[in-house]
PDB file of N, CA and C in Angstrom:
ATOM      1  N   UNK A   1      69.421-106.185  24.974  1.00  0.00           N
ATOM      2  CA  UNK A   1      70.042-107.162  25.852  1.00  0.00           C
ATOM      3  C   UNK A   1      70.091-106.604  27.271  1.00  0.00           C
ATOM      4  N   UNK A   2      69.751-107.428  28.246  1.00  0.00           N
ATOM      5  CA  UNK A   2      69.716-107.007  29.643  1.00  0.00           C
ATOM      6  C   UNK A   2      71.130-106.812  30.186  1.00  0.00           C
ATOM      7  N   UNK A   3      71.290-105.808  31.010  1.00  0.00           N
ATOM      8  CA  UNK A   3      72.572-105.550  31.663  1.00  0.00           C
ATOM      9  C   UNK A   3      72.785-106.600  32.754  1.00  0.00           C
ATOM     10  N   UNK A   4      73.995-107.122  32.913  1.00  0.00           N
ATOM     11  CA  UNK A   4      74.255-108.166  33.913  1.00  0.00           C
ATOM     12  C   UNK A   4      73.860-107.765  35.343  1.00  0.00           C
ATOM     13  N   UNK A   5      73.980-106.495  35.681  1.00  0.00           N
ATOM     14  CA  UNK A   5      73.590-106.051  37.022  1.00  0.00           C
ATOM     15  C   UNK A   5      72.080-106.155  37.182  1.00  0.00           C
ATOM     16  N   UNK A   6      71.321-105.792  36.148  1.00  0.00           N
ATOM     17  CA  UNK A   6      69.864-105.895  36.209  1.00  0.00           C
ATOM     18  C   UNK A   6      69.437-107.355  36.352  1.00  0.00           C
ATOM     19  N   UNK A   7      70.126-108.238  35.662  1.00  0.00           N
ATOM     20  CA  UNK A   7      69.829-109.672  35.754  1.00  0.00           C
ATOM     21  C   UNK A   7      70.125-110.172  37.166  1.00  0.00           C
ATOM     22  N   UNK A   8      71.261-109.766  37.724  1.00  0.00           N
ATOM     23  CA  UNK A   8      71.637-110.191  39.079  1.00  0.00           C
ATOM     24  C   UNK A   8      70.618-109.693  40.105  1.00  0.00           C
ATOM     25  N   UNK A   9      70.260-108.421  40.022  1.00  0.00           N
ATOM     26  CA  UNK A   9      69.285-107.856  40.954  1.00  0.00           C
ATOM     27  C   UNK A   9      67.956-108.588  40.817  1.00  0.00           C
ATOM     28  N   UNK A  10      67.548-108.871  39.597  1.00  0.00           N
ATOM     29  CA  UNK A  10      66.299-109.601  39.371  1.00  0.00           C
ATOM     30  C   UNK A  10      66.320-110.989  39.981  1.00  0.00           C
ATOM     31  N   UNK A  11      67.444-111.675  39.848  1.00  0.00           N
ATOM     32  CA  UNK A  11      67.570-113.012  40.443  1.00  0.00           C
ATOM     33  C   UNK A  11      67.508-112.943  41.959  1.00  0.00           C
ATOM     34  N   UNK A  12      68.099-111.914  42.519  1.00  0.00           N
ATOM     35  CA  UNK A  12      68.063-111.748  43.977  1.00  0.00           C
ATOM     36  C   UNK A  12      66.646-111.428  44.456  1.00  0.00           C
ATOM     37  N   UNK A  13      65.902-110.653  43.668  1.00  0.00           N
ATOM     38  CA  UNK A  13      64.500-110.386  44.011  1.00  0.00           C
ATOM     39  C   UNK A  13      63.732-111.702  44.019  1.00  0.00           C
ATOM     40  N   UNK A  14      63.883-112.488  42.960  1.00  0.00           N
ATOM     41  CA  UNK A  14      63.186-113.777  42.865  1.00  0.00           C
ATOM     42  C   UNK A  14      63.577-114.695  44.017  1.00  0.00           C
ATOM     43  N   UNK A  15      64.863-114.754  44.310  1.00  0.00           N
ATOM     44  CA  UNK A  15      65.374-115.602  45.391  1.00  0.00           C
ATOM     45  C   UNK A  15      64.738-115.221  46.727  1.00  0.00           C
ATOM     46  N   UNK A  16      64.780-113.953  47.062  1.00  0.00           N
ATOM     47  CA  UNK A  16      64.235-113.510  48.349  1.00  0.00           C
ATOM     48  C   UNK A  16      62.717-113.709  48.400  1.00  0.00           C
ATOM     49  N   UNK A  17      62.037-113.403  47.305  1.00  0.00           N
ATOM     50  CA  UNK A  17      60.584-113.575  47.248  1.00  0.00           C
ATOM     51  C   UNK A  17      60.234-115.032  47.472  1.00  0.00           C
ATOM     52  N   UNK A  18      60.970-115.921  46.820  1.00  0.00           N
ATOM     53  CA  UNK A  18      60.699-117.365  46.931  1.00  0.00           C
ATOM     54  C   UNK A  18      60.965-117.851  48.354  1.00  0.00           C
ATOM     55  N   UNK A  19      62.079-117.426  48.945  1.00  0.00           N
ATOM     56  CA  UNK A  19      62.395-117.847  50.308  1.00  0.00           C
ATOM     57  C   UNK A  19      61.384-117.319  51.325  1.00  0.00           C
ATOM     58  N   UNK A  20      60.840-116.148  51.046  1.00  0.00           N
ATOM     59  CA  UNK A  20      59.846-115.561  51.940  1.00  0.00           C
ATOM     60  C   UNK A  20      58.463-116.165  51.726  1.00  0.00           C
ATOM     61  N   UNK A  21      58.318-116.988  50.681  1.00  0.00           N
ATOM     62  CA  UNK A  21      57.024-117.598  50.397  1.00  0.00           C
ATOM     63  C   UNK A  21      56.002-116.610  49.869  1.00  0.00           C
ATOM     64  N   UNK A  22      56.470-115.600  49.154  1.00  0.00           N
ATOM     65  CA  UNK A  22      55.608-114.557  48.611  1.00  0.00           C
ATOM     66  C   UNK A  22      55.455-114.785  47.105  1.00  0.00           C
ATOM     67  N   UNK A  23      54.231-114.693  46.608  1.00  0.00           N
ATOM     68  CA  UNK A  23      54.003-114.845  45.172  1.00  0.00           C
ATOM     69  C   UNK A  23      54.328-113.532  44.460  1.00  0.00           C
ATOM     70  N   UNK A  24      54.481-113.619  43.154  1.00  0.00           N
ATOM     71  CA  UNK A  24      54.694-112.405  42.366  1.00  0.00           C
ATOM     72  C   UNK A  24      53.505-111.468  42.531  1.00  0.00           C
ATOM     73  N   UNK A  25      52.315-112.024  42.574  1.00  0.00           N
ATOM     74  CA  UNK A  25      51.103-111.224  42.726  1.00  0.00           C
ATOM     75  C   UNK A  25      51.098-110.483  44.067  1.00  0.00           C
ATOM     76  N   UNK A  26      51.449-111.185  45.134  1.00  0.00           N
ATOM     77  CA  UNK A  26      51.471-110.560  46.460  1.00  0.00           C
ATOM     78  C   UNK A  26      52.504-109.439  46.530  1.00  0.00           C
ATOM     79  N   UNK A  27      53.684-109.687  45.973  1.00  0.00           N
ATOM     80  CA  UNK A  27      54.720-108.657  45.975  1.00  0.00           C
ATOM     81  C   UNK A  27      54.268-107.454  45.157  1.00  0.00           C
ATOM     82  N   UNK A  28      53.696-107.718  44.003  1.00  0.00           N
ATOM     83  CA  UNK A  28      53.229-106.641  43.134  1.00  0.00           C
ATOM     84  C   UNK A  28      52.182-105.781  43.838  1.00  0.00           C
ATOM     85  N   UNK A  29      51.251-106.431  44.511  1.00  0.00           N
ATOM     86  CA  UNK A  29      50.212-105.687  45.226  1.00  0.00           C
ATOM     87  C   UNK A  29      50.821-104.836  46.335  1.00  0.00           C
ATOM     88  N   UNK A  30      51.822-105.370  47.005  1.00  0.00           N
ATOM     89  CA  UNK A  30      52.448-104.635  48.111  1.00  0.00           C
ATOM     90  C   UNK A  30      53.164-103.384  47.618  1.00  0.00           C
ATOM     91  N   UNK A  31      53.759-103.450  46.439  1.00  0.00           N
ATOM     92  CA  UNK A  31      54.495-102.282  45.934  1.00  0.00           C
ATOM     93  C   UNK A  31      53.678-101.458  44.936  1.00  0.00           C
ATOM     94  N   UNK A  32      52.452-101.907  44.649  1.00  0.00           N
ATOM     95  CA  UNK A  32      51.549-101.108  43.819  1.00  0.00           C
ATOM     96  C   UNK A  32      51.784-101.195  42.322  1.00  0.00           C
ATOM     97  N   UNK A  33      52.160-102.377  41.852  1.00  0.00           N
ATOM     98  CA  UNK A  33      52.351-102.575  40.411  1.00  0.00           C
ATOM     99  C   UNK A  33      51.687-103.888  39.999  1.00  0.00           C
ATOM    100  N   UNK A  34      51.730-104.199  38.716  1.00  0.00           N
ATOM    101  CA  UNK A  34      51.169-105.447  38.210  1.00  0.00           C
ATOM    102  C   UNK A  34      52.213-106.567  38.347  1.00  0.00           C
ATOM    103  N   UNK A  35      51.725-107.810  38.498  1.00  0.00           N
ATOM    104  CA  UNK A  35      52.660-108.923  38.683  1.00  0.00           C
ATOM    105  C   UNK A  35      53.552-109.122  37.468  1.00  0.00           C
ATOM    106  N   UNK A  36      53.073-108.724  36.283  1.00  0.00           N
ATOM    107  CA  UNK A  36      53.898-108.867  35.085  1.00  0.00           C
ATOM    108  C   UNK A  36      55.178-108.034  35.191  1.00  0.00           C
ATOM    109  N   UNK A  37      55.060-106.895  35.888  1.00  0.00           N
ATOM    110  CA  UNK A  37      56.237-106.056  36.063  1.00  0.00           C
ATOM    111  C   UNK A  37      57.251-106.757  36.969  1.00  0.00           C
ATOM    112  N   UNK A  38      56.770-107.454  37.983  1.00  0.00           N
ATOM    113  CA  UNK A  38      57.671-108.236  38.848  1.00  0.00           C
ATOM    114  C   UNK A  38      58.381-109.289  38.005  1.00  0.00           C
ATOM    115  N   UNK A  39      57.646-109.950  37.119  1.00  0.00           N
ATOM    116  CA  UNK A  39      58.263-110.948  36.227  1.00  0.00           C
ATOM    117  C   UNK A  39      59.385-110.317  35.416  1.00  0.00           C
ATOM    118  N   UNK A  40      59.134-109.143  34.888  1.00  0.00           N
ATOM    119  CA  UNK A  40      60.148-108.468  34.069  1.00  0.00           C
ATOM    120  C   UNK A  40      61.364-108.069  34.903  1.00  0.00           C
ATOM    121  N   UNK A  41      61.128-107.636  36.142  1.00  0.00           N
ATOM    122  CA  UNK A  41      62.250-107.318  37.027  1.00  0.00           C
ATOM    123  C   UNK A  41      63.075-108.571  37.298  1.00  0.00           C
ATOM    124  N   UNK A  42      62.384-109.673  37.599  1.00  0.00           N
ATOM    125  CA  UNK A  42      63.084-110.901  37.985  1.00  0.00           C
ATOM    126  C   UNK A  42      63.913-111.495  36.852  1.00  0.00           C
ATOM    127  N   UNK A  43      63.522-111.276  35.627  1.00  0.00           N
ATOM    128  CA  UNK A  43      64.296-111.783  34.491  1.00  0.00           C
ATOM    129  C   UNK A  43      65.368-110.801  34.038  1.00  0.00           C
ATOM    130  N   UNK A  44      65.319-109.581  34.562  1.00  0.00           N
ATOM    131  CA  UNK A  44      66.267-108.557  34.134  1.00  0.00           C
ATOM    132  C   UNK A  44      65.839-107.870  32.871  1.00  0.00           C
ATOM    133  N   UNK A  45      64.635-108.194  32.370  1.00  0.00           N
ATOM    134  CA  UNK A  45      64.140-107.564  31.144  1.00  0.00           C
ATOM    135  C   UNK A  45      63.889-106.078  31.366  1.00  0.00           C
ATOM    136  N   UNK A  46      63.426-105.724  32.567  1.00  0.00           N
ATOM    137  CA  UNK A  46      63.224-104.319  32.923  1.00  0.00           C
ATOM    138  C   UNK A  46      64.115-103.961  34.101  1.00  0.00           C
ATOM    139  N   UNK A  47      64.666-102.793  34.046  1.00  0.00           N
ATOM    140  CA  UNK A  47      65.517-102.284  35.114  1.00  0.00           C
ATOM    141  C   UNK A  47      64.642-101.781  36.259  1.00  0.00           C
ATOM    142  N   UNK A  48      65.046-102.065  37.493  1.00  0.00           N
ATOM    143  CA  UNK A  48      64.308-101.637  38.671  1.00  0.00           C
ATOM    144  C   UNK A  48      64.831-100.265  39.094  1.00  0.00           C
ATOM    145  N   UNK A  49      63.935 -99.295  39.229  1.00  0.00           N
ATOM    146  CA  UNK A  49      64.358 -97.972  39.689  1.00  0.00           C
ATOM    147  C   UNK A  49      64.749 -98.053  41.167  1.00  0.00           C
ATOM    148  N   UNK A  50      65.495 -97.061  41.611  1.00  0.00           N
ATOM    149  CA  UNK A  50      65.952 -97.037  43.004  1.00  0.00           C
ATOM    150  C   UNK A  50      64.773 -97.012  43.971  1.00  0.00           C
ATOM    151  N   UNK A  51      63.774 -96.208  43.689  1.00  0.00           N
ATOM    152  CA  UNK A  51      62.629 -96.111  44.598  1.00  0.00           C
ATOM    153  C   UNK A  51      61.824 -97.406  44.605  1.00  0.00           C
ATOM    154  N   UNK A  52      61.690 -98.046  43.462  1.00  0.00           N
ATOM    155  CA  UNK A  52      60.958 -99.317  43.401  1.00  0.00           C
ATOM    156  C   UNK A  52      61.739-100.413  44.120  1.00  0.00           C
ATOM    157  N   UNK A  53      63.058-100.419  43.964  1.00  0.00           N
ATOM    158  CA  UNK A  53      63.886-101.404  44.662  1.00  0.00           C
ATOM    159  C   UNK A  53      63.765-101.203  46.172  1.00  0.00           C
ATOM    160  N   UNK A  54      63.684 -99.952  46.593  1.00  0.00           N
ATOM    161  CA  UNK A  54      63.487 -99.640  48.011  1.00  0.00           C
ATOM    162  C   UNK A  54      62.173-100.246  48.503  1.00  0.00           C
ATOM    163  N   UNK A  55      61.103-100.060  47.722  1.00  0.00           N
ATOM    164  CA  UNK A  55      59.781-100.603  48.080  1.00  0.00           C
ATOM    165  C   UNK A  55      59.804-102.128  48.127  1.00  0.00           C
ATOM    166  N   UNK A  56      60.482-102.742  47.165  1.00  0.00           N
ATOM    167  CA  UNK A  56      60.572-104.202  47.123  1.00  0.00           C
ATOM    168  C   UNK A  56      61.359-104.716  48.328  1.00  0.00           C
ATOM    169  N   UNK A  57      62.451-104.040  48.648  1.00  0.00           N
ATOM    170  CA  UNK A  57      63.255-104.439  49.817  1.00  0.00           C
ATOM    171  C   UNK A  57      62.413-104.354  51.085  1.00  0.00           C
ATOM    172  N   UNK A  58      61.633-103.316  51.215  1.00  0.00           N
ATOM    173  CA  UNK A  58      60.769-103.159  52.380  1.00  0.00           C
ATOM    174  C   UNK A  58      59.717-104.267  52.431  1.00  0.00           C
ATOM    175  N   UNK A  59      59.131-104.585  51.289  1.00  0.00           N
ATOM    176  CA  UNK A  59      58.105-105.628  51.217  1.00  0.00           C
ATOM    177  C   UNK A  59      58.675-106.998  51.561  1.00  0.00           C
ATOM    178  N   UNK A  60      59.943-107.237  51.196  1.00  0.00           N
ATOM    179  CA  UNK A  60      60.563-108.534  51.431  1.00  0.00           C
ATOM    180  C   UNK A  60      61.415-108.549  52.708  1.00  0.00           C
ATOM    181  N   UNK A  61      61.379-107.450  53.437  1.00  0.00           N
ATOM    182  CA  UNK A  61      62.051-107.341  54.730  1.00  0.00           C
ATOM    183  C   UNK A  61      63.558-107.602  54.643  1.00  0.00           C
ATOM    184  N   UNK A  62      64.195-106.940  53.675  1.00  0.00           N
ATOM    185  CA  UNK A  62      65.653-106.988  53.550  1.00  0.00           C
ATOM    186  C   UNK A  62      66.163-105.584  53.286  1.00  0.00           C
ATOM    187  N   UNK A  63      67.451-105.391  53.498  1.00  0.00           N
ATOM    188  CA  UNK A  63      68.088-104.128  53.164  1.00  0.00           C
ATOM    189  C   UNK A  63      68.287-104.078  51.649  1.00  0.00           C
ATOM    190  N   UNK A  64      68.268-102.904  51.083  1.00  0.00           N
ATOM    191  CA  UNK A  64      68.444-102.758  49.634  1.00  0.00           C
ATOM    192  C   UNK A  64      69.756-103.396  49.169  1.00  0.00           C
ATOM    193  N   UNK A  65      70.769-103.354  50.002  1.00  0.00           N
ATOM    194  CA  UNK A  65      72.067-103.922  49.628  1.00  0.00           C
ATOM    195  C   UNK A  65      71.991-105.425  49.375  1.00  0.00           C
ATOM    196  N   UNK A  66      70.975-106.092  49.929  1.00  0.00           N
ATOM    197  CA  UNK A  66      70.804-107.530  49.707  1.00  0.00           C
ATOM    198  C   UNK A  66      70.793-107.867  48.219  1.00  0.00           C
ATOM    199  N   UNK A  67      70.173-107.023  47.421  1.00  0.00           N
ATOM    200  CA  UNK A  67      70.013-107.308  46.000  1.00  0.00           C
ATOM    201  C   UNK A  67      71.316-107.213  45.215  1.00  0.00           C
ATOM    202  N   UNK A  68      72.340-106.617  45.822  1.00  0.00           N
ATOM    203  CA  UNK A  68      73.630-106.482  45.151  1.00  0.00           C
ATOM    204  C   UNK A  68      74.681-107.432  45.704  1.00  0.00           C
ATOM    205  N   UNK A  69      74.348-108.142  46.784  1.00  0.00           N
ATOM    206  CA  UNK A  69      75.300-109.073  47.378  1.00  0.00           C
ATOM    207  C   UNK A  69      75.686-110.156  46.378  1.00  0.00           C
ATOM    208  N   UNK A  70      76.964-110.472  46.347  1.00  0.00           N
ATOM    209  CA  UNK A  70      77.458-111.532  45.483  1.00  0.00           C
ATOM    210  C   UNK A  70      77.636-111.126  44.037  1.00  0.00           C
ATOM    211  N   UNK A  71      77.435-109.866  43.729  1.00  0.00           N
ATOM    212  CA  UNK A  71      77.533-109.424  42.337  1.00  0.00           C
ATOM    213  C   UNK A  71      78.928-109.647  41.771  1.00  0.00           C
ATOM    214  N   UNK A  72      79.951-109.265  42.511  1.00  0.00           N
ATOM    215  CA  UNK A  72      81.320-109.464  42.024  1.00  0.00           C
ATOM    216  C   UNK A  72      81.640-110.945  41.911  1.00  0.00           C
ATOM    217  N   UNK A  73      81.201-111.723  42.909  1.00  0.00           N
ATOM    218  CA  UNK A  73      81.456-113.165  42.906  1.00  0.00           C
ATOM    219  C   UNK A  73      80.783-113.829  41.705  1.00  0.00           C
ATOM    220  N   UNK A  74      79.560-113.447  41.424  1.00  0.00           N
ATOM    221  CA  UNK A  74      78.828-114.032  40.293  1.00  0.00           C
ATOM    222  C   UNK A  74      79.531-113.708  38.977  1.00  0.00           C
ATOM    223  N   UNK A  75      80.013-112.481  38.850  1.00  0.00           N
ATOM    224  CA  UNK A  75      80.719-112.096  37.627  1.00  0.00           C
ATOM    225  C   UNK A  75      82.038-112.852  37.503  1.00  0.00           C
ATOM    226  N   UNK A  76      82.742-113.019  38.616  1.00  0.00           N
ATOM    227  CA  UNK A  76      84.000-113.776  38.597  1.00  0.00           C
ATOM    228  C   UNK A  76      83.753-115.234  38.227  1.00  0.00           C
ATOM    229  N   UNK A  77      82.689-115.826  38.772  1.00  0.00           N
ATOM    230  CA  UNK A  77      82.372-117.230  38.467  1.00  0.00           C
ATOM    231  C   UNK A  77      82.079-117.408  36.985  1.00  0.00           C
ATOM    232  N   UNK A  78      81.328-116.475  36.420  1.00  0.00           N
ATOM    233  CA  UNK A  78      81.008-116.576  34.994  1.00  0.00           C
ATOM    234  C   UNK A  78      82.274-116.490  34.149  1.00  0.00           C
ATOM    235  N   UNK A  79      83.204-115.636  34.551  1.00  0.00           N
ATOM    236  CA  UNK A  79      84.452-115.488  33.801  1.00  0.00           C
ATOM    237  C   UNK A  79      85.297-116.746  33.868  1.00  0.00           C
ATOM    238  N   UNK A  80      85.258-117.422  35.050  1.00  0.00           N
ATOM    239  CA  UNK A  80      86.093-118.606  35.249  1.00  0.00           C
ATOM    240  C   UNK A  80      85.418-119.905  34.828  1.00  0.00           C
ATOM    241  N   UNK A  81      84.163-119.819  34.436  1.00  0.00           N
ATOM    242  CA  UNK A  81      83.430-121.050  34.101  1.00  0.00           C
ATOM    243  C   UNK A  81      84.188-121.811  33.011  1.00  0.00           C
ATOM    244  N   UNK A  82      84.543-123.052  33.338  1.00  0.00           N
ATOM    245  CA  UNK A  82      85.308-123.843  32.378  1.00  0.00           C
ATOM    246  C   UNK A  82      84.787-125.267  32.299  1.00  0.00           C
ATOM    247  N   UNK A  83      83.561-125.466  32.743  1.00  0.00           N
ATOM    248  CA  UNK A  83      82.977-126.796  32.653  1.00  0.00           C
ATOM    249  C   UNK A  83      83.377-127.726  33.772  1.00  0.00           C
ATOM    250  N   UNK A  84      84.015-127.224  34.815  1.00  0.00           N
ATOM    251  CA  UNK A  84      84.399-128.099  35.922  1.00  0.00           C
ATOM    252  C   UNK A  84      83.182-128.449  36.766  1.00  0.00           C
ATOM    253  N   UNK A  85      83.348-129.362  37.719  1.00  0.00           N
ATOM    254  CA  UNK A  85      82.251-129.823  38.564  1.00  0.00           C
ATOM    255  C   UNK A  85      82.030-128.886  39.737  1.00  0.00           C
ATOM    256  N   UNK A  86      81.827-127.617  39.473  1.00  0.00           N
ATOM    257  CA  UNK A  86      81.567-126.673  40.546  1.00  0.00           C
ATOM    258  C   UNK A  86      80.096-126.291  40.530  1.00  0.00           C
ATOM    259  N   UNK A  87      79.682-125.516  41.525  1.00  0.00           N
ATOM    260  CA  UNK A  87      78.292-125.072  41.599  1.00  0.00           C
ATOM    261  C   UNK A  87      77.978-124.183  40.399  1.00  0.00           C
ATOM    262  N   UNK A  88      76.742-124.218  39.934  1.00  0.00           N
ATOM    263  CA  UNK A  88      76.370-123.360  38.802  1.00  0.00           C
ATOM    264  C   UNK A  88      76.519-121.888  39.174  1.00  0.00           C
ATOM    265  N   UNK A  89      76.805-121.055  38.197  1.00  0.00           N
ATOM    266  CA  UNK A  89      76.977-119.628  38.448  1.00  0.00           C
ATOM    267  C   UNK A  89      75.693-119.025  39.006  1.00  0.00           C
ATOM    268  N   UNK A  90      74.545-119.560  38.613  1.00  0.00           N
ATOM    269  CA  UNK A  90      73.262-119.043  39.070  1.00  0.00           C
ATOM    270  C   UNK A  90      72.663-119.982  40.107  1.00  0.00           C
ATOM    271  N   UNK A  91      73.368-120.201  41.180  1.00  0.00           N
ATOM    272  CA  UNK A  91      72.896-121.110  42.219  1.00  0.00           C
ATOM    273  C   UNK A  91      71.573-120.650  42.800  1.00  0.00           C
ATOM    274  N   UNK A  92      71.397-119.338  42.954  1.00  0.00           N
ATOM    275  CA  UNK A  92      70.152-118.830  43.524  1.00  0.00           C
ATOM    276  C   UNK A  92      68.980-118.958  42.556  1.00  0.00           C
ATOM    277  N   UNK A  93      69.268-119.154  41.299  1.00  0.00           N
ATOM    278  CA  UNK A  93      68.204-119.331  40.321  1.00  0.00           C
ATOM    279  C   UNK A  93      67.854-120.790  40.092  1.00  0.00           C
ATOM    280  N   UNK A  94      68.556-121.688  40.737  1.00  0.00           N
ATOM    281  CA  UNK A  94      68.342-123.118  40.575  1.00  0.00           C
ATOM    282  C   UNK A  94      67.305-123.593  41.585  1.00  0.00           C
ATOM    283  N   UNK A  95      66.108-123.969  41.108  1.00  0.00           N
ATOM    284  CA  UNK A  95      65.014-124.354  42.000  1.00  0.00           C
ATOM    285  C   UNK A  95      65.397-125.544  42.873  1.00  0.00           C
ATOM    286  N   UNK A  96      66.110-126.502  42.307  1.00  0.00           N
ATOM    287  CA  UNK A  96      66.528-127.674  43.085  1.00  0.00           C
ATOM    288  C   UNK A  96      67.428-127.258  44.254  1.00  0.00           C
ATOM    289  N   UNK A  97      68.358-126.347  44.002  1.00  0.00           N
ATOM    290  CA  UNK A  97      69.251-125.885  45.063  1.00  0.00           C
ATOM    291  C   UNK A  97      68.470-125.138  46.138  1.00  0.00           C
ATOM    292  N   UNK A  98      67.518-124.319  45.724  1.00  0.00           N
ATOM    293  CA  UNK A  98      66.716-123.589  46.702  1.00  0.00           C
ATOM    294  C   UNK A  98      65.820-124.529  47.511  1.00  0.00           C
ATOM    295  N   UNK A  99      65.280-125.562  46.863  1.00  0.00           N
ATOM    296  CA  UNK A  99      64.493-126.572  47.588  1.00  0.00           C
ATOM    297  C   UNK A  99      65.367-127.277  48.627  1.00  0.00           C
ATOM    298  N   UNK A 100      66.594-127.583  48.217  1.00  0.00           N
ATOM    299  CA  UNK A 100      67.523-128.249  49.126  1.00  0.00           C
ATOM    300  C   UNK A 100      67.847-127.357  50.330  1.00  0.00           C
ATOM    301  N   UNK A 101      68.074-126.099  50.090  1.00  0.00           N
ATOM    302  CA  UNK A 101      68.377-125.157  51.168  1.00  0.00           C
ATOM    303  C   UNK A 101      67.189-125.032  52.119  1.00  0.00           C
ATOM    304  N   UNK A 102      66.004-124.891  51.562  1.00  0.00           N
ATOM    305  CA  UNK A 102      64.799-124.773  52.392  1.00  0.00           C
ATOM    306  C   UNK A 102      64.614-126.039  53.232  1.00  0.00           C
ATOM    307  N   UNK A 103      64.803-127.195  52.627  1.00  0.00           N
ATOM    308  CA  UNK A 103      64.663-128.459  53.356  1.00  0.00           C
ATOM    309  C   UNK A 103      65.739-128.597  54.430  1.00  0.00           C
ATOM    310  N   UNK A 104      66.947-128.204  54.096  1.00  0.00           N
ATOM    311  CA  UNK A 104      68.065-128.280  55.027  1.00  0.00           C
ATOM    312  C   UNK A 104      67.768-127.500  56.305  1.00  0.00           C
ATOM    313  N   UNK A 105      67.261-126.290  56.152  1.00  0.00           N
ATOM    314  CA  UNK A 105      66.989-125.471  57.329  1.00  0.00           C
ATOM    315  C   UNK A 105      65.725-125.887  58.072  1.00  0.00           C
ATOM    316  N   UNK A 106      64.957-126.812  57.512  1.00  0.00           N
ATOM    317  CA  UNK A 106      63.794-127.356  58.217  1.00  0.00           C
ATOM    318  C   UNK A 106      64.207-128.478  59.172  1.00  0.00           C
ATOM    319  N   UNK A 107      65.429-128.975  59.020  1.00  0.00           N
ATOM    320  CA  UNK A 107      65.953-130.055  59.866  1.00  0.00           C
ATOM    321  C   UNK A 107      66.432-129.449  61.197  1.00  0.00           C
ATOM    322  N   UNK A 108      66.182-130.125  62.316  1.00  0.00           N
ATOM    323  CA  UNK A 108      66.687-129.627  63.610  1.00  0.00           C
ATOM    324  C   UNK A 108      68.203-129.403  63.562  1.00  0.00           C
ATOM    325  N   UNK A 109      68.656-128.395  64.288  1.00  0.00           N
ATOM    326  CA  UNK A 109      70.052-127.944  64.170  1.00  0.00           C
ATOM    327  C   UNK A 109      71.090-129.037  64.410  1.00  0.00           C
ATOM    328  N   UNK A 110      70.909-129.875  65.428  1.00  0.00           N
ATOM    329  CA  UNK A 110      71.924-130.902  65.705  1.00  0.00           C
ATOM    330  C   UNK A 110      72.002-131.920  64.558  1.00  0.00           C
ATOM    331  N   UNK A 111      70.873-132.285  63.977  1.00  0.00           N
ATOM    332  CA  UNK A 111      70.875-133.209  62.840  1.00  0.00           C
ATOM    333  C   UNK A 111      71.394-132.519  61.582  1.00  0.00           C
ATOM    334  N   UNK A 112      71.079-131.236  61.467  1.00  0.00           N
ATOM    335  CA  UNK A 112      71.541-130.469  60.312  1.00  0.00           C
ATOM    336  C   UNK A 112      73.055-130.432  60.277  1.00  0.00           C
ATOM    337  N   UNK A 113      73.699-130.265  61.412  1.00  0.00           N
ATOM    338  CA  UNK A 113      75.167-130.225  61.475  1.00  0.00           C
ATOM    339  C   UNK A 113      75.759-131.555  61.038  1.00  0.00           C
ATOM    340  N   UNK A 114      75.137-132.651  61.464  1.00  0.00           N
ATOM    341  CA  UNK A 114      75.626-133.975  61.081  1.00  0.00           C
ATOM    342  C   UNK A 114      75.461-134.188  59.573  1.00  0.00           C
ATOM    343  N   UNK A 115      74.340-133.722  59.025  1.00  0.00           N
ATOM    344  CA  UNK A 115      74.113-133.833  57.584  1.00  0.00           C
ATOM    345  C   UNK A 115      75.154-133.008  56.823  1.00  0.00           C
ATOM    346  N   UNK A 116      75.458-131.838  57.332  1.00  0.00           N
ATOM    347  CA  UNK A 116      76.465-130.984  56.712  1.00  0.00           C
ATOM    348  C   UNK A 116      77.824-131.683  56.686  1.00  0.00           C
ATOM    349  N   UNK A 117      78.197-132.272  57.812  1.00  0.00           N
ATOM    350  CA  UNK A 117      79.474-132.995  57.890  1.00  0.00           C
ATOM    351  C   UNK A 117      79.508-134.160  56.897  1.00  0.00           C
ATOM    352  N   UNK A 118      78.399-134.888  56.793  1.00  0.00           N
ATOM    353  CA  UNK A 118      78.309-135.999  55.836  1.00  0.00           C
ATOM    354  C   UNK A 118      78.470-135.498  54.399  1.00  0.00           C
ATOM    355  N   UNK A 119      77.784-134.427  54.071  1.00  0.00           N
ATOM    356  CA  UNK A 119      77.876-133.868  52.721  1.00  0.00           C
ATOM    357  C   UNK A 119      79.286-133.437  52.392  1.00  0.00           C
ATOM    358  N   UNK A 120      79.948-132.847  53.344  1.00  0.00           N
ATOM    359  CA  UNK A 120      81.329-132.415  53.135  1.00  0.00           C
ATOM    360  C   UNK A 120      82.247-133.605  52.864  1.00  0.00           C
ATOM    361  N   UNK A 121      82.086-134.675  53.636  1.00  0.00           N
ATOM    362  CA  UNK A 121      82.901-135.899  53.433  1.00  0.00           C
ATOM    363  C   UNK A 121      82.618-136.483  52.052  1.00  0.00           C
ATOM    364  N   UNK A 122      81.354-136.575  51.692  1.00  0.00           N
ATOM    365  CA  UNK A 122      80.988-137.138  50.390  1.00  0.00           C
ATOM    366  C   UNK A 122      81.545-136.299  49.232  1.00  0.00           C
ATOM    367  N   UNK A 123      81.525-134.981  49.374  1.00  0.00           N
ATOM    368  CA  UNK A 123      82.033-134.142  48.296  1.00  0.00           C
ATOM    369  C   UNK A 123      83.552-134.238  48.181  1.00  0.00           C
ATOM    370  N   UNK A 124      84.211-134.500  49.295  1.00  0.00           N
ATOM    371  CA  UNK A 124      85.681-134.648  49.259  1.00  0.00           C
ATOM    372  C   UNK A 124      86.114-135.911  48.536  1.00  0.00           C
ATOM    373  N   UNK A 125      85.314-136.978  48.629  1.00  0.00           N
ATOM    374  CA  UNK A 125      85.694-138.240  47.996  1.00  0.00           C
ATOM    375  C   UNK A 125      85.166-138.359  46.561  1.00  0.00           C
ATOM    376  N   UNK A 126      84.289-137.454  46.178  1.00  0.00           N
ATOM    377  CA  UNK A 126      83.704-137.520  44.815  1.00  0.00           C
ATOM    378  C   UNK A 126      84.685-137.099  43.765  1.00  0.00           C
TER     379      UNK A 126
END
């Protein structure tokens, strides 16, 4: 069974890779491994060594700490999960949510702010 930290780090690798528009193959080539190994890292099936995580962070242009951000929050959310209408515990693993985020940031800033305000009002009345 995969350790929750390995799963979290893997999800963060996948999230950053996807946002950067990098394929598993491209990332694997950059760090000198096979793409199947990237798949295993992203699912948490294989643990990422410190040196490999360093290489991946460099390839994806983030600090190594990026992969651990939100770890406590994710664990707390899983503990509190009670079926309420809140965001899924694995928001970064949800393709629809990531598509929405990518689309949101493609909107010009002044319109984006108005859309944000609208979404907030709609969520308050839901």
